[in-house]
N, C-alpha and C. Protein backbone atom coordinates (compact mmCIF):
# COMPACT_ATOMS: atom_id res chain seq x y z
N MET A 1 0.93 -1.13 -0.37
CA MET A 1 0.19 -0.11 -0.02
C MET A 1 0.97 1.29 -0.15
N ARG A 2 1.95 1.11 1.20
CA ARG A 2 2.92 2.42 0.83
C ARG A 2 3.41 2.26 -0.82
N ASN A 3 3.69 1.80 -1.24
CA ASN A 3 4.03 1.66 -2.40
C ASN A 3 3.30 2.32 -3.57
N LYS A 4 2.30 2.41 -3.61
CA LYS A 4 1.51 2.37 -4.10
C LYS A 4 1.47 4.61 -4.11
N ILE A 5 0.74 4.70 -3.01
CA ILE A 5 0.75 6.06 -2.49
C ILE A 5 2.05 6.77 -2.73
N ILE A 6 3.54 6.35 -2.75
CA ILE A 6 4.35 7.02 -3.12
C ILE A 6 4.61 6.96 -5.05
N PHE A 7 4.12 6.22 -5.25
CA PHE A 7 3.91 5.83 -6.78
C PHE A 7 2.85 7.32 -7.42
N LEU A 8 1.67 7.32 -6.62
CA LEU A 8 0.92 8.14 -6.81
C LEU A 8 1.36 9.53 -6.65
N ILE A 9 1.97 9.65 -5.47
CA ILE A 9 2.77 11.07 -5.19
C ILE A 9 3.60 11.72 -6.44
N LEU A 10 4.37 10.75 -6.74
CA LEU A 10 4.94 10.72 -7.81
C LEU A 10 5.03 11.21 -9.21
N ILE A 11 3.71 10.58 -9.84
CA ILE A 11 3.02 10.85 -10.51
C ILE A 11 2.54 12.12 -11.01
N LEU A 12 1.72 12.47 -9.46
CA LEU A 12 0.98 13.92 -9.31
C LEU A 12 2.18 14.80 -9.46
N LEU A 13 3.28 14.81 -8.96
CA LEU A 13 4.64 15.99 -8.69
C LEU A 13 4.80 15.97 -10.64
N ILE A 14 5.00 14.83 -11.01
CA ILE A 14 5.75 14.85 -12.32
C ILE A 14 5.03 15.55 -13.36
N THR A 15 3.65 15.05 -13.31
CA THR A 15 2.65 15.80 -13.97
C THR A 15 2.44 17.27 -13.46
N GLY A 16 2.31 17.55 -12.59
CA GLY A 16 2.02 18.78 -12.08
C GLY A 16 3.25 19.69 -12.23
N CYS A 17 4.66 19.63 -12.15
CA CYS A 17 5.75 20.29 -12.42
C CYS A 17 6.30 20.20 -13.81
N SER A 18 5.83 19.26 -14.89
CA SER A 18 6.21 19.14 -16.21
C SER A 18 5.68 20.50 -16.85
N ASN A 19 6.17 20.32 -18.27
CA ASN A 19 5.67 21.16 -19.33
C ASN A 19 4.71 20.55 -20.10
N PHE A 20 4.42 19.50 -19.63
CA PHE A 20 3.70 18.69 -20.55
C PHE A 20 2.15 19.60 -20.61
N ASP A 21 1.84 19.54 -21.83
CA ASP A 21 0.22 20.71 -22.02
C ASP A 21 -0.56 19.41 -22.59
N PHE A 22 -1.35 18.87 -21.78
CA PHE A 22 -2.54 18.06 -22.47
C PHE A 22 -3.57 18.66 -23.22
N ASN A 23 -3.75 19.98 -23.06
CA ASN A 23 -5.08 20.65 -24.12
C ASN A 23 -4.21 20.66 -25.50
N ARG A 24 -2.38 21.08 -25.45
CA ARG A 24 -2.46 20.73 -26.97
C ARG A 24 -2.54 19.45 -28.07
N VAL A 25 -1.99 18.19 -27.06
CA VAL A 25 -2.30 17.26 -27.33
C VAL A 25 -3.69 16.63 -28.01
N TYR A 26 -4.63 17.23 -27.15
CA TYR A 26 -5.91 16.94 -27.23
C TYR A 26 -6.15 17.61 -28.60
N LYS A 27 -5.74 19.07 -28.66
CA LYS A 27 -6.46 19.61 -29.99
C LYS A 27 -5.80 19.10 -30.96
N LYS A 28 -4.46 18.27 -31.06
CA LYS A 28 -3.98 18.17 -32.24
C LYS A 28 -4.36 16.71 -32.54
N PHE A 29 -5.38 16.01 -31.91
CA PHE A 29 -5.60 14.73 -32.46
C PHE A 29 -6.99 14.63 -31.73
N ALA A 30 -7.70 15.88 -31.35
CA ALA A 30 -9.20 15.73 -31.39
C ALA A 30 -10.49 15.79 -33.11
N ARG A 31 -11.21 15.32 -32.89
CA ARG A 31 -11.81 15.73 -34.57
C ARG A 31 -12.34 16.79 -34.40
N LYS A 32 -12.12 17.42 -35.83
CA LYS A 32 -12.42 18.72 -36.23
C LYS A 32 -13.36 19.00 -36.93
N VAL A 33 -14.35 20.11 -36.84
CA VAL A 33 -15.10 20.31 -38.41
C VAL A 33 -15.18 21.30 -38.33
N GLU A 34 -14.24 21.87 -39.63
CA GLU A 34 -14.26 23.66 -40.31
C GLU A 34 -15.04 23.80 -41.07
N ARG A 35 -15.85 25.16 -40.57
CA ARG A 35 -16.68 25.37 -41.74
C ARG A 35 -16.24 27.21 -42.52
N GLU A 36 -16.71 27.26 -43.33
CA GLU A 36 -16.66 28.56 -43.96
C GLU A 36 -18.35 28.84 -44.39
N TYR A 37 -18.22 30.66 -44.58
CA TYR A 37 -19.31 31.14 -45.14
C TYR A 37 -19.51 31.87 -46.11
N HIS A 38 -20.18 31.87 -47.15
CA HIS A 38 -20.06 32.77 -48.46
C HIS A 38 -20.60 34.20 -47.56
N ASP A 39 -20.55 35.53 -48.41
CA ASP A 39 -20.87 36.58 -47.44
C ASP A 39 -22.80 36.78 -47.34
N SER A 40 -23.09 35.73 -48.64
CA SER A 40 -24.52 35.75 -48.47
C SER A 40 -25.10 34.97 -46.89
N GLY A 41 -24.19 34.37 -45.98
CA GLY A 41 -24.28 33.54 -44.82
C GLY A 41 -24.86 32.42 -45.25
N CYS A 42 -24.64 31.74 -46.39
CA CYS A 42 -25.00 30.12 -46.85
C CYS A 42 -23.45 29.73 -46.84
N LYS A 43 -23.53 28.38 -46.15
CA LYS A 43 -22.42 27.62 -46.28
C LYS A 43 -21.45 27.50 -47.51
N LYS A 44 -19.97 27.57 -47.08
CA LYS A 44 -19.02 27.45 -48.36
C LYS A 44 -18.85 26.40 -48.06
N HIS A 45 -18.12 25.67 -46.92
CA HIS A 45 -17.85 24.56 -47.16
C HIS A 45 -17.66 23.98 -45.59
N SER A 46 -17.79 22.43 -45.31
CA SER A 46 -17.60 22.44 -44.29
C SER A 46 -16.91 20.73 -44.25
N ILE A 47 -15.42 20.94 -43.61
CA ILE A 47 -14.39 19.79 -43.66
C ILE A 47 -14.27 19.21 -42.47
N SER A 48 -14.51 17.80 -42.04
CA SER A 48 -14.26 17.06 -40.94
C SER A 48 -12.31 16.68 -41.24
N ILE A 49 -11.70 17.00 -40.44
CA ILE A 49 -10.52 16.63 -39.74
C ILE A 49 -10.12 15.71 -38.49
N PHE A 50 -9.25 14.84 -38.71
CA PHE A 50 -8.97 14.37 -37.53
C PHE A 50 -7.64 13.90 -37.62
N ASN A 51 -6.63 13.93 -36.73
CA ASN A 51 -4.92 13.87 -36.78
C ASN A 51 -4.38 14.31 -37.65
N ASN A 52 -4.90 15.75 -38.06
CA ASN A 52 -4.44 16.67 -39.14
C ASN A 52 -4.67 16.33 -40.40
N LYS A 53 -5.37 14.99 -40.83
CA LYS A 53 -5.54 14.83 -42.33
C LYS A 53 -7.38 14.93 -42.27
N PHE A 54 -7.67 15.08 -43.60
CA PHE A 54 -9.13 14.30 -43.98
C PHE A 54 -9.71 13.38 -43.75
N ASP A 55 -10.83 13.30 -42.82
CA ASP A 55 -11.34 12.20 -42.37
C ASP A 55 -12.72 12.66 -42.17
N GLY A 56 -13.62 12.04 -42.60
CA GLY A 56 -15.11 12.14 -42.74
C GLY A 56 -15.59 12.78 -44.06
N PRO A 57 -16.91 13.44 -43.70
CA PRO A 57 -17.36 14.06 -44.91
C PRO A 57 -16.90 15.54 -45.23
N MET A 58 -16.80 15.86 -46.36
CA MET A 58 -16.55 17.10 -46.95
C MET A 58 -17.17 17.44 -48.16
N LEU A 59 -17.99 18.67 -47.57
CA LEU A 59 -19.05 19.23 -48.25
C LEU A 59 -19.14 20.32 -48.70
N LYS A 60 -19.28 20.89 -49.96
CA LYS A 60 -19.49 22.41 -50.73
C LYS A 60 -20.58 22.94 -51.05
N TRP A 61 -20.83 24.05 -51.10
CA TRP A 61 -21.90 24.64 -51.27
C TRP A 61 -21.62 25.79 -52.44
N ASN A 62 -22.68 26.30 -53.32
CA ASN A 62 -22.68 27.34 -53.93
C ASN A 62 -22.82 28.37 -53.37
N GLU A 63 -23.26 29.62 -53.41
CA GLU A 63 -23.50 31.13 -53.06
C GLU A 63 -24.73 30.96 -53.19
N ASP A 64 -25.87 30.04 -53.52
CA ASP A 64 -27.51 29.89 -53.45
C ASP A 64 -27.52 29.03 -52.63
N CYS A 65 -26.43 28.70 -51.56
CA CYS A 65 -26.91 27.27 -50.38
C CYS A 65 -27.05 25.96 -50.96
N VAL A 66 -26.85 25.87 -52.52
CA VAL A 66 -27.09 24.21 -53.14
C VAL A 66 -25.89 24.01 -52.71
N LEU A 67 -26.00 22.34 -52.28
CA LEU A 67 -24.67 21.43 -52.67
C LEU A 67 -24.25 21.04 -53.75
N ILE A 68 -22.83 21.26 -54.12
CA ILE A 68 -22.34 21.21 -55.36
C ILE A 68 -21.33 19.88 -55.39
N SER A 69 -20.83 19.59 -53.86
CA SER A 69 -19.85 18.44 -53.98
C SER A 69 -20.04 17.95 -52.75
N GLU A 70 -20.01 16.35 -52.42
CA GLU A 70 -19.93 15.75 -51.65
C GLU A 70 -18.85 14.65 -51.47
N ALA A 71 -18.11 14.33 -50.25
CA ALA A 71 -17.07 13.23 -50.64
C ALA A 71 -17.03 12.57 -48.90
N ASN A 72 -16.68 11.89 -49.02
CA ASN A 72 -15.83 10.88 -47.73
C ASN A 72 -14.46 10.75 -47.90
N TYR A 73 -13.78 11.07 -46.80
CA TYR A 73 -12.47 10.89 -46.43
C TYR A 73 -12.05 9.70 -45.36
N GLU A 74 -10.85 9.26 -45.66
CA GLU A 74 -10.70 8.19 -44.39
C GLU A 74 -9.37 8.37 -44.23
N ASN A 75 -8.65 8.60 -43.21
CA ASN A 75 -7.16 8.97 -43.06
C ASN A 75 -6.76 9.73 -44.14
N GLY A 76 -7.02 10.63 -44.39
CA GLY A 76 -6.79 11.48 -45.53
C GLY A 76 -6.81 11.05 -46.84
N LYS A 77 -7.52 10.10 -47.12
CA LYS A 77 -7.81 9.79 -48.52
C LYS A 77 -9.26 9.49 -49.08
N LEU A 78 -9.42 9.76 -50.35
CA LEU A 78 -11.11 9.70 -50.59
C LEU A 78 -11.33 7.97 -50.09
N HIS A 79 -12.58 7.78 -49.80
CA HIS A 79 -13.08 6.38 -49.42
C HIS A 79 -14.81 6.74 -49.51
N GLY A 80 -15.12 5.66 -50.08
CA GLY A 80 -16.53 5.68 -49.92
C GLY A 80 -17.17 6.39 -51.71
N TYR A 81 -17.69 7.52 -51.17
CA TYR A 81 -18.05 8.44 -52.76
C TYR A 81 -17.70 9.34 -52.41
N TRP A 82 -18.16 10.28 -53.69
CA TRP A 82 -18.31 11.64 -54.23
C TRP A 82 -18.97 12.08 -55.19
N LYS A 83 -19.41 12.81 -54.90
CA LYS A 83 -20.39 13.15 -55.96
C LYS A 83 -20.15 14.44 -56.32
N VAL A 84 -20.72 15.46 -57.61
CA VAL A 84 -20.37 16.29 -57.95
C VAL A 84 -22.09 17.12 -58.57
N TYR A 85 -22.12 17.86 -57.94
CA TYR A 85 -23.54 18.62 -58.26
C TYR A 85 -23.31 19.62 -59.33
N TYR A 86 -24.60 19.78 -60.25
CA TYR A 86 -24.85 21.01 -60.86
C TYR A 86 -25.07 22.14 -60.21
N ASP A 87 -24.99 22.96 -60.61
CA ASP A 87 -25.15 24.04 -59.74
C ASP A 87 -26.41 24.40 -59.61
N ASP A 88 -27.79 23.84 -60.21
CA ASP A 88 -28.86 23.70 -59.00
C ASP A 88 -29.00 22.46 -58.61
N GLY A 89 -28.44 21.88 -57.97
CA GLY A 89 -27.95 20.44 -57.41
C GLY A 89 -28.54 19.10 -57.80
N GLN A 90 -28.59 18.93 -58.96
CA GLN A 90 -28.50 17.52 -59.75
C GLN A 90 -27.12 17.31 -60.02
N LEU A 91 -27.49 16.09 -59.89
CA LEU A 91 -26.28 15.30 -59.61
C LEU A 91 -25.48 15.36 -61.14
N MET A 92 -24.06 15.29 -61.24
CA MET A 92 -23.41 15.32 -62.65
C MET A 92 -22.58 14.57 -62.71
N GLN A 93 -21.66 14.02 -61.38
CA GLN A 93 -20.84 12.73 -61.29
C GLN A 93 -20.80 12.24 -60.32
N SER A 94 -20.75 10.90 -60.23
CA SER A 94 -20.42 10.33 -58.92
C SER A 94 -19.12 9.05 -59.49
N VAL A 95 -18.42 8.41 -57.98
CA VAL A 95 -17.44 7.90 -58.14
C VAL A 95 -17.48 7.25 -56.58
N ASP A 96 -16.95 5.85 -56.63
CA ASP A 96 -17.06 5.26 -55.40
C ASP A 96 -15.27 5.05 -55.54
N TYR A 97 -14.82 5.21 -53.96
CA TYR A 97 -13.53 4.93 -53.94
C TYR A 97 -13.29 4.03 -52.62
N PHE A 98 -11.98 3.84 -52.63
CA PHE A 98 -11.65 2.57 -51.79
C PHE A 98 -10.25 3.05 -51.13
N PHE A 99 -10.20 4.21 -49.92
CA PHE A 99 -8.95 4.64 -49.80
C PHE A 99 -7.95 5.58 -51.17
N GLY A 100 -8.42 5.88 -51.44
CA GLY A 100 -7.42 6.62 -52.62
C GLY A 100 -8.16 6.29 -54.10
N GLN A 101 -8.34 5.07 -53.90
CA GLN A 101 -8.40 4.58 -55.48
C GLN A 101 -9.64 4.06 -55.86
N LYS A 102 -10.00 4.37 -57.29
CA LYS A 102 -11.35 4.27 -57.99
C LYS A 102 -11.86 3.10 -57.67
N ASN A 103 -12.85 2.41 -57.31
CA ASN A 103 -13.08 1.49 -57.04
C ASN A 103 -14.33 1.29 -57.06
N GLY A 104 -14.99 0.90 -58.25
CA GLY A 104 -16.46 0.75 -58.67
C GLY A 104 -16.79 1.63 -59.80
N TYR A 105 -18.22 1.94 -59.68
CA TYR A 105 -18.74 2.66 -61.07
C TYR A 105 -17.96 4.44 -60.88
N GLU A 106 -17.67 4.67 -62.15
CA GLU A 106 -17.47 6.30 -62.31
C GLU A 106 -19.17 6.48 -63.19
N ARG A 107 -19.35 7.25 -62.82
CA ARG A 107 -21.06 7.54 -63.80
C ARG A 107 -20.94 9.28 -63.71
N TRP A 108 -21.21 10.01 -64.96
CA TRP A 108 -21.32 11.42 -65.72
C TRP A 108 -23.24 11.25 -65.87
N TYR A 109 -23.47 12.32 -65.41
CA TYR A 109 -25.05 12.64 -65.93
C TYR A 109 -25.15 13.80 -66.59
N TYR A 110 -26.23 13.79 -67.82
CA TYR A 110 -26.56 14.86 -68.29
C TYR A 110 -27.77 15.70 -67.00
N LYS A 111 -28.20 16.95 -67.62
CA LYS A 111 -28.69 17.86 -66.51
C LYS A 111 -29.95 17.14 -66.07
N GLY A 112 -30.73 16.54 -66.89
CA GLY A 112 -32.09 16.22 -66.95
C GLY A 112 -31.94 14.58 -65.99
N GLY A 113 -31.11 14.23 -65.77
CA GLY A 113 -30.57 13.26 -64.68
C GLY A 113 -30.44 12.35 -65.33
N LYS A 114 -30.58 11.72 -66.76
CA LYS A 114 -29.97 10.85 -67.34
C LYS A 114 -28.70 10.38 -67.46
N ILE A 115 -28.26 8.85 -67.35
CA ILE A 115 -26.83 8.95 -67.12
C ILE A 115 -26.05 9.15 -68.48
N LYS A 116 -25.21 9.77 -68.47
CA LYS A 116 -24.27 9.82 -69.79
C LYS A 116 -22.96 9.24 -69.94
N THR A 117 -22.40 8.56 -69.11
CA THR A 117 -21.15 7.63 -69.31
C THR A 117 -21.45 6.59 -68.10
N GLU A 118 -20.82 5.70 -67.94
CA GLU A 118 -20.34 4.73 -66.94
C GLU A 118 -19.15 3.83 -67.34
N THR A 119 -18.23 3.87 -66.66
CA THR A 119 -17.24 3.35 -66.37
C THR A 119 -16.99 2.58 -65.25
N TYR A 120 -16.28 1.08 -65.33
CA TYR A 120 -16.15 0.42 -63.98
C TYR A 120 -14.49 0.46 -63.55
N TYR A 121 -14.28 0.45 -61.90
CA TYR A 121 -12.99 0.78 -61.98
C TYR A 121 -12.54 -0.49 -60.72
N LYS A 122 -11.53 -1.02 -60.93
CA LYS A 122 -11.08 -2.04 -59.81
C LYS A 122 -9.79 -1.53 -59.14
N PHE A 123 -9.96 -1.10 -58.01
CA PHE A 123 -8.85 -0.87 -57.59
C PHE A 123 -7.55 -0.06 -57.91
N ASP A 124 -8.40 1.29 -58.60
CA ASP A 124 -7.54 2.61 -59.35
C ASP A 124 -7.31 1.78 -61.01
N VAL A 125 -8.17 0.95 -61.64
CA VAL A 125 -7.41 0.36 -62.91
C VAL A 125 -9.05 0.28 -63.59
N GLN A 126 -8.66 0.80 -64.71
CA GLN A 126 -10.29 0.82 -65.48
C GLN A 126 -10.58 -0.74 -65.97
N SER A 127 -11.65 -1.53 -65.61
CA SER A 127 -12.05 -2.74 -65.79
C SER A 127 -12.89 -3.05 -66.49
N SER A 128 -13.51 -1.77 -67.18
CA SER A 128 -14.66 -1.75 -68.04
C SER A 128 -14.41 -0.91 -69.16
N ASP A 129 -15.02 -0.95 -70.53
CA ASP A 129 -15.07 -0.06 -71.43
C ASP A 129 -16.17 1.22 -71.09
N MET A 130 -15.66 1.94 -71.31
CA MET A 130 -16.96 3.19 -71.28
C MET A 130 -18.06 2.96 -72.09
N LEU A 131 -19.37 2.92 -71.39
CA LEU A 131 -20.10 3.07 -71.97
C LEU A 131 -21.04 4.30 -72.02
N SER A 132 -21.59 5.00 -73.37
CA SER A 132 -22.25 6.20 -73.09
C SER A 132 -23.65 6.00 -73.59
N TRP A 133 -24.72 7.15 -73.09
CA TRP A 133 -25.90 7.10 -73.75
C TRP A 133 -26.17 8.68 -74.24
N ASP A 134 -26.81 8.35 -75.23
CA ASP A 134 -27.22 9.92 -75.68
C ASP A 134 -28.82 10.53 -74.71
N GLU A 135 -29.14 11.89 -74.79
CA GLU A 135 -29.98 12.53 -73.65
C GLU A 135 -30.90 12.11 -73.83
N SER A 136 -31.45 11.16 -74.75
CA SER A 136 -32.67 10.38 -74.70
C SER A 136 -32.70 8.77 -74.08
N GLY A 137 -31.64 8.84 -73.73
CA GLY A 137 -31.49 7.37 -72.64
C GLY A 137 -31.15 6.32 -73.69
N ARG A 138 -30.77 6.30 -75.15
CA ARG A 138 -30.17 5.59 -76.30
C ARG A 138 -28.57 5.03 -76.23
N LEU A 139 -28.34 4.34 -75.94
CA LEU A 139 -27.07 3.51 -75.71
C LEU A 139 -26.29 4.02 -76.74
N LEU A 140 -25.40 4.39 -76.92
CA LEU A 140 -24.26 5.17 -78.17
C LEU A 140 -23.22 4.17 -78.89
N ASN A 141 -22.90 2.81 -77.48
CA ASN A 141 -21.89 1.92 -77.72
C ASN A 141 -21.85 1.02 -77.69
């Protein structure tokens, strides 16, 4: 019991008398969300950061408060989805990622919402021919 008390007193003295800054360490490794706003008051972007790397959702809006881009990051790399929208909010492009590599479908869309092109990737290597459609939905190739 006496050894435990001495050990506890030593720990308190070391941490109390040292220059160790717990707040600095916490701030460095805590998850942060940074937001910026347009002059109009609408959000400009929202970025999630953990351990000084992008980690989590990254969202961007235009000056009319319309979402124009959304992506997900994991440990500084694109992971999951990345979507880009026209200024009116309609989907323009979508890509699936696996830790920074395209892995799945990359699709482009016409403004009306119909698919324009589609390509399949497996670990950043194109593994299908690009398929293309006209605006009426007719396959071109």
